[in-house]
Amino acid sequence: QVQLVESGGGLVQAGGSLRLSCVASGGTFGRNFVGWFRQAPGKEREFAGTISWTGDHTYYSDSIKGRFIISRDNAKNTVHLQMNSLKPEDTAVYYCALGSSWLYTPKVPNDYTSWGQGTQVTVSS
């Protein structure tokens, strides 16, 4: 079973940028979507965005649209989440996940199978 590992989290000031990476090991992403979710303390896991196999189809939640960009390098089994104009409310643990299918755009946790362990992003005001 493919394993996902996130990296790139950290502490940043409001208005700053971070770039998260998600690497697949023990397998590949295949043709499935790869998504990013986030979970703040005391809150449910929230969908952030997802990217298709070819990278030509992305879908973002309203909360990050226009500030975050997802990209994908299938040759390196890597997906990135470029986060710009960060706000304190972006503070959360960020997870990448492998979609269960390529036939539709997965937007909820149940649409995903393998998950990474998460990486902490903290935005100070």
N, C-alpha and C. Protein backbone atom coordinates (compact mmCIF):
# COMPACT_ATOMS: atom_id res chain seq x y z
N GLN A 1 0.85 -1.18 0.00
CA GLN A 1 0.00 0.00 0.00
C GLN A 1 0.88 1.24 0.00
N VAL A 2 0.50 2.20 -0.81
CA VAL A 2 1.29 3.42 -0.91
C VAL A 2 1.24 4.18 0.40
N GLN A 3 2.39 4.74 0.78
CA GLN A 3 2.47 5.56 1.98
C GLN A 3 2.77 7.00 1.57
N LEU A 4 2.17 7.94 2.28
CA LEU A 4 2.35 9.35 1.98
C LEU A 4 3.06 10.04 3.14
N VAL A 5 4.00 10.90 2.80
CA VAL A 5 4.74 11.63 3.82
C VAL A 5 4.75 13.11 3.47
N GLU A 6 4.23 13.93 4.39
CA GLU A 6 4.23 15.37 4.20
C GLU A 6 5.47 15.99 4.84
N SER A 7 5.87 17.13 4.32
CA SER A 7 6.96 17.90 4.89
C SER A 7 6.79 19.35 4.51
N GLY A 8 7.55 20.22 5.16
CA GLY A 8 7.55 21.62 4.81
C GLY A 8 6.79 22.53 5.74
N GLY A 9 6.15 21.96 6.75
CA GLY A 9 5.43 22.80 7.69
C GLY A 9 6.37 23.59 8.58
N GLY A 10 5.80 24.51 9.34
CA GLY A 10 6.62 25.32 10.23
C GLY A 10 5.87 26.52 10.74
N LEU A 11 6.62 27.45 11.30
CA LEU A 11 6.07 28.69 11.85
C LEU A 11 6.38 29.83 10.89
N VAL A 12 5.37 30.61 10.57
CA VAL A 12 5.54 31.72 9.65
C VAL A 12 4.66 32.88 10.11
N GLN A 13 5.08 34.08 9.78
CA GLN A 13 4.27 35.25 10.13
C GLN A 13 3.14 35.43 9.13
N ALA A 14 2.11 36.09 9.57
CA ALA A 14 0.99 36.39 8.68
C ALA A 14 1.49 37.15 7.45
N GLY A 15 0.97 36.75 6.30
CA GLY A 15 1.40 37.35 5.04
C GLY A 15 2.53 36.59 4.38
N GLY A 16 3.12 35.67 5.10
CA GLY A 16 4.23 34.90 4.56
C GLY A 16 3.79 33.71 3.73
N SER A 17 4.77 32.91 3.33
CA SER A 17 4.50 31.76 2.46
C SER A 17 5.19 30.51 2.99
N LEU A 18 4.61 29.38 2.67
CA LEU A 18 5.21 28.09 2.93
C LEU A 18 4.88 27.17 1.77
N ARG A 19 5.75 26.19 1.55
CA ARG A 19 5.50 25.20 0.52
C ARG A 19 5.55 23.81 1.14
N LEU A 20 4.42 23.14 1.12
CA LEU A 20 4.34 21.78 1.64
C LEU A 20 4.57 20.78 0.51
N SER A 21 5.15 19.66 0.87
CA SER A 21 5.36 18.58 -0.10
C SER A 21 4.73 17.30 0.43
N CYS A 22 4.29 16.49 -0.49
CA CYS A 22 3.73 15.18 -0.17
C CYS A 22 4.38 14.17 -1.11
N VAL A 23 5.10 13.22 -0.55
CA VAL A 23 5.82 12.23 -1.36
C VAL A 23 5.21 10.85 -1.13
N ALA A 24 5.02 10.13 -2.21
CA ALA A 24 4.50 8.77 -2.13
C ALA A 24 5.65 7.77 -2.14
N SER A 25 5.55 6.78 -1.27
CA SER A 25 6.54 5.71 -1.26
C SER A 25 5.84 4.36 -1.21
N GLY A 26 6.53 3.33 -1.68
CA GLY A 26 5.92 2.02 -1.72
C GLY A 26 4.87 1.90 -2.80
N GLY A 27 4.85 2.83 -3.70
CA GLY A 27 3.87 2.85 -4.78
C GLY A 27 3.81 4.23 -5.38
N THR A 28 2.84 4.46 -6.22
CA THR A 28 2.69 5.76 -6.85
C THR A 28 1.28 6.30 -6.62
N PHE A 29 1.08 7.54 -7.02
CA PHE A 29 -0.25 8.13 -6.95
C PHE A 29 -1.18 7.53 -8.00
N GLY A 30 -0.59 6.90 -9.01
CA GLY A 30 -1.41 6.38 -10.09
C GLY A 30 -2.11 7.50 -10.82
N ARG A 31 -3.33 7.23 -11.27
CA ARG A 31 -4.09 8.24 -11.99
C ARG A 31 -5.10 8.94 -11.08
N ASN A 32 -4.98 8.69 -9.80
CA ASN A 32 -5.98 9.24 -8.88
C ASN A 32 -5.67 10.68 -8.47
N PHE A 33 -6.69 11.36 -8.04
CA PHE A 33 -6.52 12.68 -7.46
C PHE A 33 -5.67 12.58 -6.19
N VAL A 34 -4.97 13.67 -5.89
CA VAL A 34 -4.28 13.81 -4.61
C VAL A 34 -4.78 15.09 -3.96
N GLY A 35 -5.21 14.98 -2.74
CA GLY A 35 -5.81 16.12 -2.08
C GLY A 35 -5.06 16.57 -0.84
N TRP A 36 -5.40 17.78 -0.42
CA TRP A 36 -4.88 18.32 0.83
C TRP A 36 -6.06 18.66 1.74
N PHE A 37 -5.92 18.30 2.98
CA PHE A 37 -6.89 18.63 4.02
C PHE A 37 -6.14 19.33 5.15
N ARG A 38 -6.89 19.95 6.02
CA ARG A 38 -6.28 20.55 7.20
C ARG A 38 -7.22 20.41 8.38
N GLN A 39 -6.62 20.37 9.55
CA GLN A 39 -7.41 20.23 10.77
C GLN A 39 -6.82 21.11 11.85
N ALA A 40 -7.63 22.06 12.28
CA ALA A 40 -7.25 22.95 13.37
C ALA A 40 -7.69 22.33 14.69
N PRO A 41 -7.08 22.71 15.81
CA PRO A 41 -7.45 22.15 17.11
C PRO A 41 -8.93 22.34 17.40
N GLY A 42 -9.58 21.26 17.77
CA GLY A 42 -10.98 21.33 18.13
C GLY A 42 -11.94 21.40 16.96
N LYS A 43 -11.41 21.30 15.76
CA LYS A 43 -12.27 21.39 14.57
C LYS A 43 -12.17 20.11 13.74
N GLU A 44 -13.15 19.94 12.87
CA GLU A 44 -13.15 18.78 11.99
C GLU A 44 -12.13 18.98 10.87
N ARG A 45 -11.73 17.85 10.29
CA ARG A 45 -10.82 17.92 9.15
C ARG A 45 -11.53 18.61 7.99
N GLU A 46 -10.85 19.55 7.39
CA GLU A 46 -11.44 20.41 6.36
C GLU A 46 -10.74 20.19 5.02
N PHE A 47 -11.53 20.04 3.98
CA PHE A 47 -10.98 19.91 2.64
C PHE A 47 -10.34 21.24 2.21
N ALA A 48 -9.13 21.18 1.65
CA ALA A 48 -8.47 22.38 1.16
C ALA A 48 -8.45 22.41 -0.36
N GLY A 49 -7.98 21.34 -0.97
CA GLY A 49 -7.93 21.32 -2.43
C GLY A 49 -7.48 19.98 -2.93
N THR A 50 -7.58 19.80 -4.26
CA THR A 50 -7.19 18.53 -4.84
C THR A 50 -6.73 18.75 -6.27
N ILE A 51 -5.95 17.80 -6.79
CA ILE A 51 -5.40 17.92 -8.13
C ILE A 51 -5.52 16.58 -8.85
N SER A 52 -5.84 16.67 -10.13
CA SER A 52 -6.00 15.47 -10.94
C SER A 52 -4.66 14.88 -11.35
N TRP A 53 -4.71 13.72 -11.98
CA TRP A 53 -3.50 13.01 -12.38
C TRP A 53 -2.62 13.84 -13.31
N THR A 54 -3.23 14.48 -14.30
CA THR A 54 -2.44 15.27 -15.25
C THR A 54 -2.09 16.64 -14.71
N GLY A 55 -2.74 17.03 -13.64
CA GLY A 55 -2.49 18.35 -13.08
C GLY A 55 -3.28 19.46 -13.73
N ASP A 56 -4.08 19.12 -14.73
CA ASP A 56 -4.81 20.18 -15.42
C ASP A 56 -6.16 20.47 -14.80
N HIS A 57 -6.48 19.74 -13.77
CA HIS A 57 -7.74 19.99 -13.07
C HIS A 57 -7.46 20.09 -11.59
N THR A 58 -7.75 21.27 -11.05
CA THR A 58 -7.62 21.50 -9.61
C THR A 58 -8.92 22.07 -9.07
N TYR A 59 -9.14 21.81 -7.82
CA TYR A 59 -10.35 22.32 -7.16
C TYR A 59 -9.95 22.75 -5.76
N TYR A 60 -10.36 23.98 -5.38
CA TYR A 60 -9.97 24.52 -4.08
C TYR A 60 -11.21 24.92 -3.28
N SER A 61 -11.07 24.85 -1.98
CA SER A 61 -12.12 25.36 -1.13
C SER A 61 -12.11 26.89 -1.17
N ASP A 62 -13.22 27.48 -0.83
CA ASP A 62 -13.31 28.95 -0.87
C ASP A 62 -12.31 29.60 0.09
N SER A 63 -11.99 28.90 1.17
CA SER A 63 -11.12 29.49 2.19
C SER A 63 -9.67 29.66 1.72
N ILE A 64 -9.26 28.92 0.72
CA ILE A 64 -7.87 29.03 0.24
C ILE A 64 -7.76 29.47 -1.21
N LYS A 65 -8.86 29.52 -1.89
CA LYS A 65 -8.84 29.86 -3.31
C LYS A 65 -8.18 31.22 -3.53
N GLY A 66 -7.26 31.27 -4.49
CA GLY A 66 -6.56 32.50 -4.80
C GLY A 66 -5.30 32.72 -4.00
N ARG A 67 -5.10 31.92 -2.94
CA ARG A 67 -3.91 32.06 -2.11
C ARG A 67 -3.02 30.81 -2.18
N PHE A 68 -3.63 29.65 -2.29
CA PHE A 68 -2.88 28.39 -2.32
C PHE A 68 -2.92 27.81 -3.73
N ILE A 69 -1.84 27.11 -4.08
CA ILE A 69 -1.75 26.46 -5.38
C ILE A 69 -1.23 25.04 -5.19
N ILE A 70 -1.93 24.09 -5.79
CA ILE A 70 -1.49 22.69 -5.75
C ILE A 70 -0.85 22.35 -7.09
N SER A 71 0.29 21.68 -7.03
CA SER A 71 0.96 21.22 -8.24
C SER A 71 1.40 19.78 -8.03
N ARG A 72 1.75 19.15 -9.14
CA ARG A 72 2.02 17.71 -9.08
C ARG A 72 3.15 17.35 -10.03
N ASP A 73 4.06 16.50 -9.56
CA ASP A 73 5.15 15.98 -10.38
C ASP A 73 5.09 14.45 -10.28
N ASN A 74 4.44 13.82 -11.25
CA ASN A 74 4.26 12.38 -11.19
C ASN A 74 5.57 11.62 -11.33
N ALA A 75 6.52 12.18 -12.04
CA ALA A 75 7.82 11.51 -12.20
C ALA A 75 8.53 11.37 -10.85
N LYS A 76 8.25 12.31 -9.95
CA LYS A 76 8.87 12.28 -8.62
C LYS A 76 7.90 11.83 -7.54
N ASN A 77 6.72 11.40 -7.95
CA ASN A 77 5.69 10.99 -6.98
C ASN A 77 5.50 12.03 -5.88
N THR A 78 5.39 13.27 -6.30
CA THR A 78 5.32 14.38 -5.35
C THR A 78 4.20 15.34 -5.72
N VAL A 79 3.52 15.82 -4.70
CA VAL A 79 2.51 16.87 -4.84
C VAL A 79 2.89 17.99 -3.88
N HIS A 80 2.77 19.22 -4.36
CA HIS A 80 3.11 20.37 -3.54
C HIS A 80 1.87 21.21 -3.24
N LEU A 81 1.90 21.87 -2.10
CA LEU A 81 0.89 22.87 -1.76
C LEU A 81 1.63 24.17 -1.46
N GLN A 82 1.59 25.08 -2.40
CA GLN A 82 2.20 26.40 -2.22
C GLN A 82 1.19 27.31 -1.52
N MET A 83 1.55 27.77 -0.34
CA MET A 83 0.64 28.58 0.47
C MET A 83 1.19 30.00 0.55
N ASN A 84 0.43 30.93 0.03
CA ASN A 84 0.81 32.34 0.03
C ASN A 84 -0.19 33.16 0.84
N SER A 85 0.24 34.36 1.21
CA SER A 85 -0.63 35.28 1.96
C SER A 85 -1.28 34.57 3.14
N LEU A 86 -0.45 33.89 3.91
CA LEU A 86 -0.97 33.09 5.02
C LEU A 86 -1.60 33.96 6.10
N LYS A 87 -2.65 33.41 6.72
CA LYS A 87 -3.38 34.08 7.76
C LYS A 87 -3.33 33.23 9.03
N PRO A 88 -3.51 33.85 10.19
CA PRO A 88 -3.53 33.05 11.42
C PRO A 88 -4.56 31.92 11.38
N GLU A 89 -5.68 32.15 10.71
CA GLU A 89 -6.70 31.10 10.63
C GLU A 89 -6.31 29.93 9.74
N ASP A 90 -5.16 30.03 9.06
CA ASP A 90 -4.65 28.89 8.29
C ASP A 90 -3.88 27.91 9.19
N THR A 91 -3.69 28.29 10.45
CA THR A 91 -2.98 27.41 11.38
C THR A 91 -3.72 26.09 11.54
N ALA A 92 -3.02 25.00 11.28
CA ALA A 92 -3.63 23.67 11.33
C ALA A 92 -2.56 22.62 11.04
N VAL A 93 -2.93 21.38 11.23
CA VAL A 93 -2.14 20.27 10.72
C VAL A 93 -2.63 19.99 9.31
N TYR A 94 -1.72 19.93 8.37
CA TYR A 94 -2.06 19.72 6.97
C TYR A 94 -1.73 18.28 6.57
N TYR A 95 -2.70 17.66 5.91
CA TYR A 95 -2.57 16.27 5.49
C TYR A 95 -2.73 16.16 3.97
N CYS A 96 -1.93 15.29 3.37
CA CYS A 96 -2.20 14.94 1.99
C CYS A 96 -2.85 13.55 1.98
N ALA A 97 -3.59 13.29 0.93
CA ALA A 97 -4.31 12.03 0.85
C ALA A 97 -4.50 11.63 -0.60
N LEU A 98 -4.58 10.33 -0.81
CA LEU A 98 -4.75 9.77 -2.16
C LEU A 98 -6.21 9.47 -2.41
N GLY A 99 -6.74 10.04 -3.47
CA GLY A 99 -8.12 9.80 -3.82
C GLY A 99 -8.36 8.35 -4.21
N SER A 100 -9.58 7.90 -4.01
CA SER A 100 -9.90 6.51 -4.30
C SER A 100 -10.21 6.27 -5.76
N SER A 101 -10.36 7.34 -6.54
CA SER A 101 -10.71 7.18 -7.94
C SER A 101 -10.28 8.39 -8.74
N TRP A 102 -10.19 8.24 -10.04
CA TRP A 102 -9.91 9.37 -10.92
C TRP A 102 -11.15 9.80 -11.69
N LEU A 103 -12.26 9.14 -11.41
CA LEU A 103 -13.47 9.36 -12.19
C LEU A 103 -14.27 10.59 -11.76
N TYR A 104 -13.98 11.10 -10.57
CA TYR A 104 -14.69 12.27 -10.10
C TYR A 104 -13.76 13.06 -9.19
N THR A 105 -14.14 14.29 -8.90
CA THR A 105 -13.33 15.15 -8.05
C THR A 105 -13.66 14.88 -6.59
N PRO A 106 -12.74 14.31 -5.85
CA PRO A 106 -13.03 13.97 -4.46
C PRO A 106 -12.89 15.18 -3.54
N LYS A 107 -13.90 15.41 -2.70
CA LYS A 107 -13.91 16.62 -1.89
C LYS A 107 -14.15 16.35 -0.41
N VAL A 108 -14.39 15.10 -0.03
CA VAL A 108 -14.63 14.78 1.37
C VAL A 108 -13.67 13.68 1.79
N PRO A 109 -13.39 13.58 3.09
CA PRO A 109 -12.43 12.57 3.55
C PRO A 109 -12.73 11.15 3.09
N ASN A 110 -14.00 10.79 3.03
CA ASN A 110 -14.35 9.43 2.63
C ASN A 110 -14.01 9.12 1.18
N ASP A 111 -13.70 10.14 0.40
CA ASP A 111 -13.30 9.93 -1.00
C ASP A 111 -11.83 9.58 -1.13
N TYR A 112 -11.14 9.53 0.00
CA TYR A 112 -9.70 9.30 0.00
C TYR A 112 -9.34 8.04 0.77
N THR A 113 -8.27 7.41 0.35
CA THR A 113 -7.84 6.16 0.99
C THR A 113 -6.61 6.40 1.84
N SER A 114 -5.44 6.44 1.27
CA SER A 114 -4.22 6.60 2.04
C SER A 114 -4.02 8.04 2.49
N TRP A 115 -3.52 8.18 3.72
CA TRP A 115 -3.29 9.50 4.32
C TRP A 115 -1.87 9.59 4.85
N GLY A 116 -1.30 10.79 4.80
CA GLY A 116 -0.03 11.03 5.44
C GLY A 116 -0.23 11.29 6.93
N GLN A 117 0.88 11.49 7.62
CA GLN A 117 0.82 11.70 9.07
C GLN A 117 0.55 13.14 9.44
N GLY A 118 0.67 14.03 8.49
CA GLY A 118 0.39 15.44 8.72
C GLY A 118 1.63 16.25 9.03
N THR A 119 1.55 17.54 8.74
CA THR A 119 2.63 18.47 9.06
C THR A 119 2.01 19.75 9.61
N GLN A 120 2.58 20.25 10.69
CA GLN A 120 2.00 21.40 11.39
C GLN A 120 2.38 22.71 10.69
N VAL A 121 1.39 23.54 10.49
CA VAL A 121 1.59 24.89 9.98
C VAL A 121 1.04 25.85 11.02
N THR A 122 1.87 26.78 11.46
CA THR A 122 1.46 27.77 12.45
C THR A 122 1.74 29.15 11.89
N VAL A 123 0.69 29.98 11.84
CA VAL A 123 0.81 31.33 11.32
C VAL A 123 0.59 32.31 12.47
N SER A 124 1.59 33.10 12.75
CA SER A 124 1.50 34.06 13.84
C SER A 124 1.02 35.41 13.31
N SER A 125 0.31 36.12 14.19
CA SER A 125 -0.24 37.42 13.78
C SER A 125 0.73 38.55 14.09
